[in-house]
Structures are given as structure tokens and as C-alpha cells.
Protein backbone atom coordinates (compact mmCIF):
# COMPACT_ATOMS: atom_id res chain seq x y z
CA MET A 1 -14.08 35.54 -3.89
CA SER A 2 -10.48 36.14 -4.87
CA ASN A 3 -9.98 38.73 -7.58
CA LYS A 4 -6.97 36.74 -8.83
CA ASN A 5 -9.40 34.28 -10.30
CA LEU A 6 -9.58 35.13 -13.99
CA ILE A 7 -11.97 32.32 -14.87
CA PRO A 8 -15.62 33.44 -14.91
CA THR A 9 -17.72 32.05 -12.07
CA ALA A 10 -20.18 30.55 -14.54
CA LYS A 11 -17.39 28.41 -16.02
CA ILE A 12 -16.41 27.07 -12.60
CA VAL A 13 -20.02 26.27 -11.75
CA GLU A 14 -20.24 24.44 -15.10
CA ARG A 15 -17.19 22.39 -14.12
CA LEU A 16 -18.75 21.53 -10.75
CA GLN A 17 -21.94 20.37 -12.44
CA TYR A 18 -19.87 18.21 -14.78
CA GLU A 19 -17.97 16.66 -11.86
CA ASN A 20 -21.21 15.95 -9.97
CA PRO A 21 -23.53 14.31 -12.52
CA TRP A 22 -25.63 12.71 -9.73
CA TRP A 23 -27.05 16.14 -8.90
CA VAL A 24 -29.24 15.43 -11.94
CA SER A 25 -28.95 11.71 -12.80
CA LYS A 26 -28.70 10.35 -9.20
CA GLN A 27 -25.91 8.04 -10.47
CA ILE A 28 -22.12 8.04 -10.50
CA PRO A 29 -20.37 7.82 -13.93
CA GLU A 30 -20.51 4.38 -15.54
CA MET A 31 -16.70 4.06 -15.68
CA TYR A 32 -16.69 3.93 -11.86
CA SER A 33 -19.89 2.01 -11.25
CA SER A 34 -18.67 -0.79 -13.54
CA MET A 35 -15.47 -1.28 -11.50
CA ALA A 36 -15.39 -3.93 -8.78
CA ARG A 37 -15.00 -2.54 -5.27
CA ARG A 38 -11.78 -3.18 -3.42
CA LEU A 39 -12.17 -5.38 -0.34
CA TYR A 40 -10.92 -2.38 1.67
CA PHE A 41 -14.13 -0.52 0.80
CA SER A 42 -16.02 -2.25 3.63
CA LEU A 43 -13.44 -0.86 6.07
CA PHE A 44 -13.44 2.64 4.61
CA TYR A 45 -17.16 3.34 4.21
CA PRO A 46 -18.05 3.27 7.95
CA PHE A 47 -15.64 6.21 8.42
CA VAL A 48 -17.41 8.11 5.62
CA ILE A 49 -20.80 7.93 7.33
CA GLU A 50 -19.46 8.35 10.87
CA LYS A 51 -21.05 11.51 12.23
CA SER A 52 -20.54 11.19 15.98
CA VAL A 53 -16.93 12.41 15.79
CA ARG A 54 -16.28 15.81 14.26
CA ARG A 55 -13.39 14.94 11.99
CA ALA A 56 -12.42 15.07 8.34
CA LEU A 57 -11.52 11.72 6.81
CA VAL A 58 -8.14 11.70 5.04
CA LEU A 59 -7.69 8.85 2.54
CA MET A 60 -3.98 8.36 1.90
CA GLY A 61 -1.93 6.01 -0.21
CA PRO A 62 0.48 5.72 -3.11
CA ARG A 63 -0.50 6.90 -6.56
CA ARG A 64 -2.83 4.70 -8.58
CA VAL A 65 -4.04 2.37 -5.83
CA GLY A 66 -7.65 3.41 -6.45
CA LYS A 67 -8.28 6.31 -4.06
CA THR A 68 -10.47 8.28 -6.49
CA VAL A 69 -12.41 5.12 -7.34
CA MET A 70 -12.93 4.53 -3.59
CA LEU A 71 -14.41 8.03 -3.27
CA PHE A 72 -16.81 7.39 -6.17
CA HIS A 73 -17.82 4.04 -4.71
CA SER A 74 -18.54 5.86 -1.43
CA ILE A 75 -20.75 8.32 -3.30
CA GLN A 76 -22.51 5.38 -5.01
CA GLN A 77 -23.16 3.80 -1.61
CA LEU A 78 -24.43 7.09 -0.14
CA LEU A 79 -26.90 7.33 -3.04
CA ALA A 80 -27.95 3.71 -2.46
CA ASP A 81 -28.40 4.58 1.24
CA ARG A 82 -30.89 7.29 0.18
CA VAL A 83 -28.73 10.30 0.99
CA ASN A 84 -30.11 13.32 -0.91
CA HIS A 85 -28.20 13.41 -4.23
CA GLN A 86 -27.85 17.18 -4.02
CA LYS A 87 -26.10 16.96 -0.69
CA ILE A 88 -23.07 15.15 -2.10
CA PHE A 89 -20.25 17.24 -3.57
CA PHE A 90 -17.13 16.03 -5.36
CA ILE A 91 -14.28 18.39 -6.28
CA GLY A 92 -11.05 17.31 -8.00
CA ILE A 93 -8.56 19.81 -6.59
CA ASP A 94 -5.96 18.89 -9.25
CA ASN A 95 -8.03 20.69 -11.90
CA PRO A 96 -6.31 24.02 -12.75
CA ILE A 97 -9.72 25.73 -12.85
CA TYR A 98 -9.69 25.87 -9.03
CA VAL A 99 -6.13 27.11 -8.77
CA HIS A 100 -6.84 30.50 -7.18
CA LEU A 101 -9.73 29.37 -4.99
CA GLY A 102 -9.71 28.28 -1.37
CA LEU A 103 -11.84 25.34 -0.23
CA GLU A 104 -14.40 27.72 1.21
CA ASP A 105 -14.72 29.58 -2.13
CA ILE A 106 -15.37 26.28 -3.92
CA LEU A 107 -18.03 25.34 -1.36
CA ASP A 108 -19.76 28.69 -1.88
CA LEU A 109 -19.92 27.93 -5.59
CA CYS A 110 -21.36 24.47 -4.88
CA LYS A 111 -24.10 26.08 -2.79
CA GLU A 112 -24.68 28.65 -5.51
CA SER A 113 -25.01 26.06 -8.28
CA LEU A 114 -27.59 24.10 -6.23
CA ARG A 115 -29.22 27.15 -4.65
CA GLU A 116 -28.54 25.62 -1.23
CA GLU A 117 -28.68 27.81 1.87
CA ASP A 118 -26.29 25.81 4.01
CA LEU A 119 -24.23 22.61 4.08
CA LYS A 120 -26.08 20.83 6.86
CA GLY A 121 -25.97 17.07 6.38
CA CYS A 122 -23.77 17.34 3.27
CA PHE A 123 -20.91 15.04 2.29
CA VAL A 124 -18.03 16.92 0.65
CA PHE A 125 -15.29 15.01 -1.21
CA PHE A 126 -12.04 16.76 -2.13
CA ASP A 127 -9.86 14.59 -4.39
CA GLU A 128 -6.07 15.12 -4.69
CA ILE A 129 -6.03 17.63 -1.84
CA GLN A 130 -2.23 17.90 -1.93
CA TYR A 131 -2.52 20.28 -4.89
CA LEU A 132 -3.83 22.94 -2.53
CA LYS A 133 -1.16 24.85 -0.64
CA ASP A 134 -1.61 24.61 3.15
CA TRP A 135 -4.56 22.28 2.61
CA GLU A 136 -4.52 21.04 6.19
CA ARG A 137 -5.04 24.54 7.57
CA HIS A 138 -7.97 25.15 5.20
CA LEU A 139 -9.50 21.78 6.02
CA LYS A 140 -9.22 22.32 9.77
CA VAL A 141 -11.07 25.64 9.41
CA LEU A 142 -13.86 23.89 7.45
CA VAL A 143 -14.22 21.15 10.05
CA ASP A 144 -14.61 23.81 12.74
CA SER A 145 -16.90 26.08 10.70
CA TYR A 146 -19.27 23.37 9.43
CA PRO A 147 -19.87 20.99 12.33
CA GLU A 148 -22.75 19.24 10.54
CA THR A 149 -20.91 18.55 7.29
CA LYS A 150 -18.71 15.54 6.61
CA PHE A 151 -15.46 16.23 4.74
CA ILE A 152 -13.61 13.39 2.99
CA VAL A 153 -10.32 14.12 1.23
CA SER A 154 -7.80 12.04 -0.67
CA GLY A 155 -4.20 12.67 -1.47
CA SER A 156 -1.09 10.93 -2.61
CA ALA A 157 1.86 13.20 -1.93
CA ALA A 158 2.33 10.79 0.86
CA ALA A 159 5.06 12.35 2.88
CA ALA A 160 3.37 15.72 3.12
CA LEU A 161 -0.01 14.24 3.90
CA LYS A 162 1.27 12.00 6.62
CA TRP A 163 3.29 14.73 8.23
CA HIS A 164 0.71 17.49 7.97
CA SER A 165 -2.25 15.50 9.13
CA THR A 166 -0.44 14.53 12.32
CA GLU A 167 1.13 17.93 12.97
CA SER A 168 -1.60 20.44 12.34
CA GLY A 169 -4.77 18.41 12.10
CA ALA A 170 -4.47 16.89 15.55
CA GLY A 171 -7.92 15.80 16.67
CA ARG A 172 -9.50 17.07 13.44
CA PHE A 173 -8.53 14.34 10.96
CA THR A 174 -8.95 10.58 10.78
CA ASP A 175 -6.31 8.96 8.55
CA PHE A 176 -7.15 5.95 6.42
CA MET A 177 -4.29 4.25 4.60
CA LEU A 178 -5.09 2.51 1.29
CA PRO A 179 -2.16 0.28 0.34
CA PRO A 180 -1.43 -1.40 -3.01
CA LEU A 181 -3.64 -4.39 -3.89
CA THR A 182 -3.07 -7.52 -1.85
CA PHE A 183 -2.96 -10.84 -3.70
CA GLN A 184 -6.30 -11.66 -2.07
CA GLU A 185 -7.87 -8.49 -3.53
CA TYR A 186 -6.30 -9.24 -6.90
CA ILE A 187 -8.00 -12.67 -6.96
CA HIS A 188 -11.27 -11.00 -5.91
CA LEU A 189 -11.07 -8.23 -8.55
CA LYS A 190 -10.41 -10.79 -11.27
CA GLY A 191 -13.47 -12.80 -10.20
CA LEU A 192 -11.41 -15.86 -9.26
CA ASP A 193 -12.67 -16.39 -5.70
CA HIS A 194 -13.86 -19.86 -6.78
CA LEU A 195 -10.21 -21.01 -6.82
CA ILE A 196 -10.05 -20.67 -3.02
CA TYR A 197 -11.61 -22.73 -0.23
CA ASN A 198 -11.22 -22.86 3.57
CA GLY A 199 -9.04 -25.84 4.44
CA SER A 200 -6.28 -26.81 6.84
CA VAL A 201 -2.88 -28.43 7.01
CA VAL A 202 -2.81 -31.42 9.38
CA TYR A 203 0.17 -32.86 11.26
CA GLY A 204 -0.51 -35.45 13.96
CA LYS A 205 -2.87 -33.69 16.33
CA ASN A 206 -2.01 -30.28 14.94
CA GLU A 207 -4.42 -28.75 12.46
CA ILE A 208 -3.66 -25.29 11.09
CA PRO A 209 -6.50 -23.55 9.18
CA TYR A 210 -5.56 -21.88 5.88
CA CYS A 211 -7.28 -20.66 2.73
CA LEU A 212 -6.20 -23.26 0.15
CA THR A 213 -6.76 -23.65 -3.59
CA HIS A 214 -8.55 -26.13 -5.84
CA ASP A 215 -6.02 -25.52 -8.60
CA MET A 216 -2.42 -24.80 -7.65
CA LYS A 217 -1.30 -24.42 -11.26
CA ILE A 218 -3.79 -21.68 -12.07
CA LEU A 219 -3.21 -19.91 -8.75
CA ASN A 220 0.54 -19.84 -9.38
CA LYS A 221 0.01 -18.53 -12.90
CA GLU A 222 -2.08 -15.69 -11.41
CA PHE A 223 0.55 -15.14 -8.71
CA VAL A 224 3.28 -14.57 -11.31
CA HIS A 225 0.90 -12.21 -13.12
CA TYR A 226 0.30 -10.43 -9.80
CA LEU A 227 4.06 -10.05 -9.25
CA ASN A 228 4.33 -8.36 -12.64
CA PHE A 229 1.13 -6.32 -12.83
CA GLY A 230 -0.79 -6.76 -9.61
CA GLY A 231 -0.25 -3.72 -7.43
CA TYR A 232 -2.62 -1.39 -9.24
CA PRO A 233 -6.36 -2.07 -9.74
CA GLU A 234 -6.39 -0.31 -13.11
CA VAL A 235 -3.50 -2.38 -14.48
CA VAL A 236 -4.98 -5.68 -13.29
CA LEU A 237 -8.13 -5.10 -15.31
CA ASN A 238 -6.60 -3.57 -18.41
CA GLU A 239 -4.47 -5.59 -20.83
CA ARG A 240 -3.64 -2.53 -22.90
CA ILE A 241 -1.88 -0.97 -19.92
CA GLN A 242 -0.10 -4.27 -19.17
CA SER A 243 1.37 -4.28 -22.66
CA ASP A 244 2.83 -0.82 -22.00
CA MET A 245 3.38 -1.06 -18.28
CA GLY A 246 6.61 0.92 -18.50
CA ARG A 247 4.97 4.01 -19.87
CA TYR A 248 1.90 3.87 -17.65
CA VAL A 249 3.56 3.27 -14.30
CA LYS A 250 6.74 5.13 -15.03
CA ASN A 251 5.00 8.29 -16.26
CA ASP A 252 2.28 8.25 -13.76
CA ILE A 253 3.78 6.90 -10.61
CA VAL A 254 7.53 7.05 -10.69
CA ASP A 255 7.94 10.30 -12.57
CA LYS A 256 5.24 12.22 -10.73
CA VAL A 257 6.53 11.16 -7.33
CA LEU A 258 10.26 11.33 -8.07
CA LEU A 259 10.37 14.28 -10.39
CA ARG A 260 7.58 16.37 -8.95
CA ASP A 261 6.14 15.46 -5.52
CA LEU A 262 9.37 14.75 -3.65
CA PRO A 263 11.49 17.58 -5.10
CA SER A 264 8.77 20.14 -4.32
CA LEU A 265 8.25 18.78 -0.79
CA TYR A 266 11.88 18.47 0.20
CA GLY A 267 13.63 20.92 -2.08
CA ILE A 268 15.68 18.19 -3.80
CA LYS A 269 18.02 19.86 -6.28
CA ASP A 270 19.38 16.89 -8.23
CA VAL A 271 16.24 15.17 -9.47
CA GLN A 272 18.13 12.92 -11.91
CA GLU A 273 20.28 11.60 -9.08
CA LEU A 274 17.19 10.66 -7.06
CA ASN A 275 15.73 8.98 -10.13
CA ARG A 276 18.92 6.97 -10.75
CA PHE A 277 19.03 5.95 -7.09
CA PHE A 278 15.44 4.70 -7.16
CA THR A 279 16.10 2.69 -10.33
CA TYR A 280 19.15 1.13 -8.66
CA ILE A 281 17.05 0.13 -5.60
CA ALA A 282 14.20 -1.18 -7.76
CA TYR A 283 16.53 -3.44 -9.68
CA ASN A 284 17.96 -4.81 -6.42
CA THR A 285 14.69 -5.08 -4.45
CA GLY A 286 15.02 -7.55 -1.58
CA ASN A 287 18.80 -7.30 -1.37
CA GLU A 288 20.83 -6.38 1.69
CA PHE A 289 22.71 -3.08 1.47
CA SER A 290 25.13 -1.16 3.61
CA TYR A 291 25.59 2.62 3.31
CA GLU A 292 29.16 1.92 2.16
CA THR A 293 28.25 -0.40 -0.74
CA MET A 294 25.24 1.72 -1.64
CA SER A 295 27.38 4.84 -1.78
CA ARG A 296 30.08 3.10 -3.79
CA GLU A 297 27.68 1.54 -6.29
CA SER A 298 25.43 4.55 -6.77
CA GLY A 299 28.10 7.23 -6.46
CA ILE A 300 25.98 9.20 -3.97
CA GLN A 301 27.26 10.49 -0.63
CA LYS A 302 26.13 8.66 2.50
CA ASP A 303 24.26 11.59 4.08
CA THR A 304 22.32 12.17 0.87
CA LEU A 305 21.53 8.45 0.63
CA LYS A 306 20.01 8.41 4.10
CA LYS A 307 17.75 11.32 3.14
CA TYR A 308 16.70 9.70 -0.14
CA LEU A 309 15.81 6.46 1.63
CA GLU A 310 13.71 8.42 4.12
CA TYR A 311 11.88 10.34 1.35
CA LEU A 312 11.22 7.25 -0.78
CA GLU A 313 9.84 5.42 2.23
CA ALA A 314 7.58 8.35 3.11
CA ALA A 315 6.29 8.31 -0.48
CA PHE A 316 5.30 4.62 -0.12
CA LEU A 317 7.73 3.57 -2.85
CA ILE A 318 10.07 1.51 -0.68
CA LYS A 319 10.21 -0.24 2.68
CA VAL A 320 13.44 -0.49 4.66
CA LEU A 321 13.81 -3.57 6.85
CA ASN A 322 16.26 -3.51 9.75
CA LYS A 323 18.35 -6.40 10.97
CA VAL A 324 18.49 -8.41 14.21
CA ASP A 325 21.12 -10.94 15.26
CA ILE A 326 20.74 -14.65 16.02
CA ASN A 327 19.17 -13.80 19.40
CA ALA A 328 16.73 -11.38 17.73
CA LYS A 329 18.51 -8.40 19.30
CA ARG A 330 18.70 -5.16 17.38
CA LEU A 331 22.15 -3.97 16.45
CA LYS A 332 23.25 -0.77 18.14
CA ARG A 333 24.68 0.70 14.96
CA VAL A 334 22.70 0.27 11.77
CA THR A 335 25.30 -0.70 9.18
CA SER A 336 23.25 -2.88 6.85
CA PHE A 337 19.57 -3.29 6.03
CA LYS A 338 17.30 -4.64 3.30
CA VAL A 339 15.31 -2.47 0.93
CA TYR A 340 12.12 -3.61 -0.80
CA LEU A 341 9.80 -1.96 -3.27
CA THR A 342 6.34 -1.62 -1.74
CA ASN A 343 4.98 -3.18 -4.87
CA SER A 344 6.72 -5.79 -7.01
CA SER A 345 5.06 -4.55 -10.20
CA LEU A 346 7.07 -1.32 -9.94
CA ARG A 347 10.10 -3.40 -10.92
CA THR A 348 8.32 -4.81 -13.96
CA ALA A 349 7.43 -1.28 -15.02
CA LEU A 350 11.04 -0.13 -14.90
CA PHE A 351 12.64 -3.23 -16.42
CA SER A 352 10.55 -6.06 -17.88
CA PRO A 353 8.08 -8.76 -16.78
CA ILE A 354 9.60 -11.88 -15.23
CA ILE A 355 8.67 -15.51 -15.77
CA GLU A 356 8.69 -18.10 -13.03
CA THR A 357 12.04 -19.62 -14.03
CA ASP A 358 13.93 -16.29 -13.86
CA ASN A 359 16.70 -15.78 -11.32
CA GLU A 360 14.94 -12.67 -9.99
CA MET A 361 11.88 -14.70 -9.04
CA GLY A 362 13.12 -15.26 -5.46
CA ASN A 363 13.53 -11.54 -4.76
CA MET A 364 10.21 -10.70 -6.43
CA VAL A 365 8.36 -13.28 -4.31
CA GLU A 366 10.04 -11.88 -1.19
CA THR A 367 9.04 -8.34 -2.23
CA ALA A 368 5.44 -9.41 -2.83
CA ILE A 369 5.17 -11.25 0.50
CA LEU A 370 6.58 -8.27 2.36
CA SER A 371 4.10 -5.99 0.59
CA GLN A 372 1.21 -8.13 1.92
CA TRP A 373 2.51 -7.53 5.45
CA MET A 374 2.72 -3.77 4.87
CA HIS A 375 -1.06 -3.63 5.15
CA ARG A 376 -0.59 -4.09 8.89
CA GLU A 377 0.32 -0.88 10.59
CA LYS A 378 2.64 -0.98 13.61
CA LEU A 379 4.04 -4.38 12.76
CA ASP A 380 7.68 -4.64 13.73
CA LEU A 381 9.11 -6.80 10.95
CA THR A 382 12.83 -7.43 10.71
CA TYR A 383 15.16 -10.00 9.21
CA ALA A 384 17.90 -11.89 11.03
CA ARG A 385 21.51 -12.17 9.94
CA TRP A 386 24.54 -13.25 11.91
CA LYS A 387 28.09 -14.47 11.68
CA GLU A 388 29.62 -16.85 14.19
CA GLY A 389 33.18 -17.78 13.39
CA ARG A 390 33.05 -18.98 9.81
CA LYS A 391 29.34 -19.70 9.92
CA GLU A 392 26.83 -17.25 8.59
CA GLY A 393 23.07 -17.48 8.90
CA GLU A 394 19.98 -15.60 7.75
CA VAL A 395 16.21 -15.73 8.24
CA ASP A 396 14.16 -13.71 5.73
CA LEU A 397 11.40 -12.41 8.02
CA VAL A 398 11.27 -12.23 11.80
CA LEU A 399 8.52 -10.68 13.89
CA VAL A 400 9.78 -9.40 17.23
CA ASP A 401 7.42 -8.81 20.16
CA ASP A 402 8.08 -5.15 21.13
CA LYS A 403 7.26 -5.71 24.77
CA LYS A 404 9.22 -8.89 25.44
CA TYR A 405 11.90 -8.28 22.78
CA LYS A 406 11.52 -11.91 21.79
CA PRO A 407 10.89 -13.25 18.30
CA VAL A 408 7.32 -14.46 17.76
CA TRP A 409 7.96 -16.25 14.45
CA GLY A 410 10.37 -16.68 11.57
CA VAL A 411 9.65 -17.16 7.87
CA GLU A 412 12.00 -18.40 5.18
CA ILE A 413 10.83 -17.26 1.73
CA LYS A 414 11.78 -19.66 -1.06
CA TRP A 415 10.63 -20.13 -4.64
CA SER A 416 11.74 -23.77 -4.67
CA ASN A 417 10.48 -27.19 -3.59
CA ARG A 418 13.85 -28.61 -2.66
CA TYR A 419 13.60 -27.60 1.02
CA PHE A 420 10.35 -29.52 1.33
CA GLU A 421 12.19 -32.56 0.09
CA LYS A 422 15.33 -31.80 2.18
CA PRO A 423 14.26 -29.74 5.22
CA ASN A 424 17.68 -30.40 6.82
CA LEU A 425 19.08 -27.79 4.42
CA LEU A 426 17.25 -25.07 6.40
CA LYS A 427 20.10 -24.86 8.90
CA SER A 428 19.85 -21.10 9.60
CA LEU A 429 16.12 -21.21 10.28
CA ILE A 430 16.42 -24.25 12.58
CA GLN A 431 19.36 -22.71 14.44
CA PHE A 432 17.45 -19.44 14.90
CA CYS A 433 14.40 -21.30 16.24
CA GLU A 434 16.50 -23.37 18.66
CA ASN A 435 18.36 -20.29 19.89
CA ASN A 436 15.13 -18.44 20.64
CA GLN A 437 13.00 -21.37 21.84
CA ILE A 438 10.55 -21.01 18.96
CA ASP A 439 8.84 -24.30 18.25
CA LYS A 440 7.41 -23.50 14.81
CA ALA A 441 8.34 -21.61 11.64
CA LEU A 442 7.09 -21.24 8.09
CA VAL A 443 8.81 -21.93 4.78
CA THR A 444 7.36 -21.04 1.39
CA SER A 445 7.62 -23.29 -1.66
CA ILE A 446 6.45 -23.31 -5.28
CA ASP A 447 3.61 -25.79 -4.79
CA GLN A 448 4.46 -28.12 -1.89
CA LEU A 449 2.25 -28.12 1.18
CA GLY A 450 2.72 -29.93 4.49
CA ILE A 451 4.33 -29.94 7.94
CA GLN A 452 7.66 -31.51 8.87
CA GLU A 453 9.42 -31.74 12.20
CA ILE A 454 13.16 -31.17 12.51
CA ASN A 455 14.93 -31.10 15.93
CA GLY A 456 11.61 -30.40 17.66
CA VAL A 457 10.76 -27.48 15.36
CA LEU A 458 7.55 -27.78 13.31
CA LEU A 459 8.15 -26.39 9.83
CA SER A 460 4.98 -25.53 7.90
CA PHE A 461 5.54 -25.54 4.13
CA LEU A 462 3.12 -23.40 2.15
CA PRO A 463 3.24 -22.36 -1.52
CA ALA A 464 4.27 -18.68 -1.72
CA SER A 465 1.03 -17.79 -3.52
CA ILE A 466 -1.10 -19.43 -0.80
CA TYR A 467 0.91 -17.73 1.94
CA SER A 468 0.46 -14.32 0.26
CA TYR A 469 -3.28 -14.87 -0.06
CA ASN A 470 -3.57 -15.84 3.61
CA ILE A 471 -1.69 -12.78 4.90
CA GLY A 472 -4.19 -10.54 3.07
CA ASP A 473 -7.16 -12.57 4.25
CA ILE A 474 -6.12 -12.55 7.94
CA THR A 475 -5.22 -8.84 7.82
CA LEU A 476 -8.67 -7.90 6.48
CA LYS A 477 -10.43 -10.06 9.08
CA MET A 478 -8.39 -8.42 11.86
CA LYS A 479 -9.16 -4.92 10.54
CA ASN A 480 -12.86 -5.75 10.26
CA GLN A 481 -12.93 -6.95 13.86
CA ASN A 482 -11.25 -3.78 15.06
């Protein structure tokens, strides 16, 4: 035991007993048991109980997406599955009481407080692991030293976690990424699953299955609420936080990541500059930028900008989308790109909630739809933009097949019904489809649903809220099958 530790052992053992009430009560704290489980829980839990592979499970994700709650729900399930309640340990590494202790020291104290001889068959949860210096080295040693113990850790200093777990934990860690809430999970957490049914959109002999709604008006009202408050489970279920979203999200997410996590990870000197830059991006989420305009408007040098973009993306705060031309070819030199927040409610937190008639609604809907797609790893999403003579064209989302370098589909994201009434206005989308021999594309609307054919291209019109719900639904089904 380190002699630097000035806190008496008895006090630390007391803290451990407080953090692990199920050692006595066989139940997790009520504040966690009363919370609905995220739909991602059914994907995560099998990794918790997986014993055949000797690996620690690393739960990663942005701040406040419910990682700690997921750990408690796992403990609740272990207890329900009749795992011995004294073989489950939970340690919140962010508590200063553990500051001079290594993971092994803490485990010794756990054994001491339960008078356990060894850790055979135990489940050990370390929350907020990033607060421990060189955590990945410590964890690797534990995995090797205790082959019959399962270690599950969570952490949100995203960049460090991602990098470390690939570099030094090779073969020792399994990464599980928990993204912000999808619109589907939001509907589930709010107990509104009854709004949805399995239906389809029919056109001639074509029938495309979709989850549809019994009440478009209510679903859209929830969708706007989701855009403003929906990324974080805690916010969704708490009106008090919604009324002071700025303070909650800004203090807890933006400030901790921008002012603490990133500067300490990357040695950023000018923290205020990074903060200003993020605010500038958040306000303009969904817009196209070039390094030139970005540098001019933010007053930051181009090389610094590139670094900031990289850091913010690693911290799960933004997503950069690269551009292809009319033939879906990547441009050799990246001059312009789009930047999106990973979570539309971050914008609400920094500025103010929007209503569905606001000008920003289009960009917020685009941001939300892109954030549904971010739950799919290794998905090569781009957008198309081109100029031919005096004509310019753009398609909001394009998926390119990496092997064939051909576009698979295109999506035009609109918060408007006028294109359903006048599909001929979608000139860019139709031109892109014709150029790349794509015979179908998707266009979002406010509440119009149906299929129209223009120049041999089938355009499916889906309300943006329905489209968002379906991306989440299909993603979860795919992950469950895998």
C-alpha cells in the first residue's frame, strides 16, 4: 500500500461499502433501478458476462450518455442472474479518496472489506477510469494477473480512451461505444412506443417496410423536443434540467471536455480559443466550411484549426463530413467539408431551444439525422457538391461503397413539404442519381409520406422524425444480429 496515501484505510473501506450497497442489501440504489434501461443495454450485457475471452470490457462514449447507469443496470442484471452479491465490486475512480491508490491496491481493500481470499468469479466495475494515470497499463496487468475475474471499465475522456485501448491494450480490451440517445431510444425512454407500428410505403408493386406512426402530430412534437433536449437520458426525463439546459450541459459536458479533458490530453495552451471555436461550430452546425473561411471568421490559424477539429472529433463533440463530386469521387485536396455536432441538443444548451418554424430547423434536423447514423461504426458517409459551368448542385448525404467506389444511396434532408408537392424542384438529387445510375433516393419532409417517380428515379418521401426513428431501429437490429 502506498505510503503517500494519507487517508486511513478504514475510511476507504467505508467508502467502498457505501459504493457497493448490494454487499448487504442485494439491490442497486433506487435512483438507478427506477431508470429505464437504454435499448443498447441488450447489446452491452452479453459482453459483461462473456467469460470465454480473457479481456476487460471498456465502455466508451461522450459525457452524460448514461455510462454509469449502464454499469449499475449490469450489476442489477447480475444480481437477478443469481451472481453472488459479494462478488460484484463497483469503484468510482473519480472520487479523490482513491487518488494515491493503484487499481490493485483498491482491489486488495475490496477483498479486505469482504474478507475474501481471492477474486475468482468476481465482476469488477471501474467507473470513470480516465482519472487514473496510465490506466490502460494497470488494467492490462489486472487482466493478466486475474484470469478468472471480469473487469468492466467506463470512461469519457474519449480521445485518450480510444487511443490507449488500441495502442497498449491490444488483445486485452474489448471496446463498446455508447453513443448519444437515438430518437428511437428517446421514444422508448419516454414510454411512447405505442405511437409506433410496423407498416410500409407502397408504390405500384414496390412495398418498402418502415416503422410508421399512429399520430404524426405528436411524433413531430416529440421530435422537436428531441432536437432540443434529446441526446442525454438524464435531460429527457428531467424537466428541471431542461429549464436550465445551458447550465447543466455547458458545465458538465462542454466545460469539462473543452476546459479540462482536451487541454490536459493534448497540452492545449489557449483554452478560451478552443472554447470560442467550438461555440462558433455549434452555432453553424450542418454548414459547409473551408479552412480559409473558418480561419477568417474565427481568427484562428489554419494549422491550429485542423488540430482543434481533430481533437473535438475524438472527444465525440463533432463529426466532420467530407465531400464527393457529382460522380461520387473524393476530391484529392480537401478544401471544404461540413461539420456537425454529434448531438443537436448541444446547440440548444449553448444558445436557446428552437421551435419548428425557426430558420435553424433545417440544420438541426440534418444534425439529428446524421447523429442517428453515427451509431453505425465504419460507415463511410459523405455529402456531394459540385459546380458545372454556372450550375451548382448538392446532395446532403451520400453513402459510398468502399470497395466499388460507387454511391449506394443519396438522401436529401428537408424540413418542408413543398418538395413532395413539387418533386421536380429536386434537380440536384435527380441529376446525381442519373449520373451514378442510382434508381432510388430518399427525401425527408415535415409530415408527407409516399413515393414518386421522376425520370426513372423512385423518390421515397418520409417525415424526418420517421426517418430518424427508422435509422435507429435498423441499426439496433443489425447490431443484435451481429
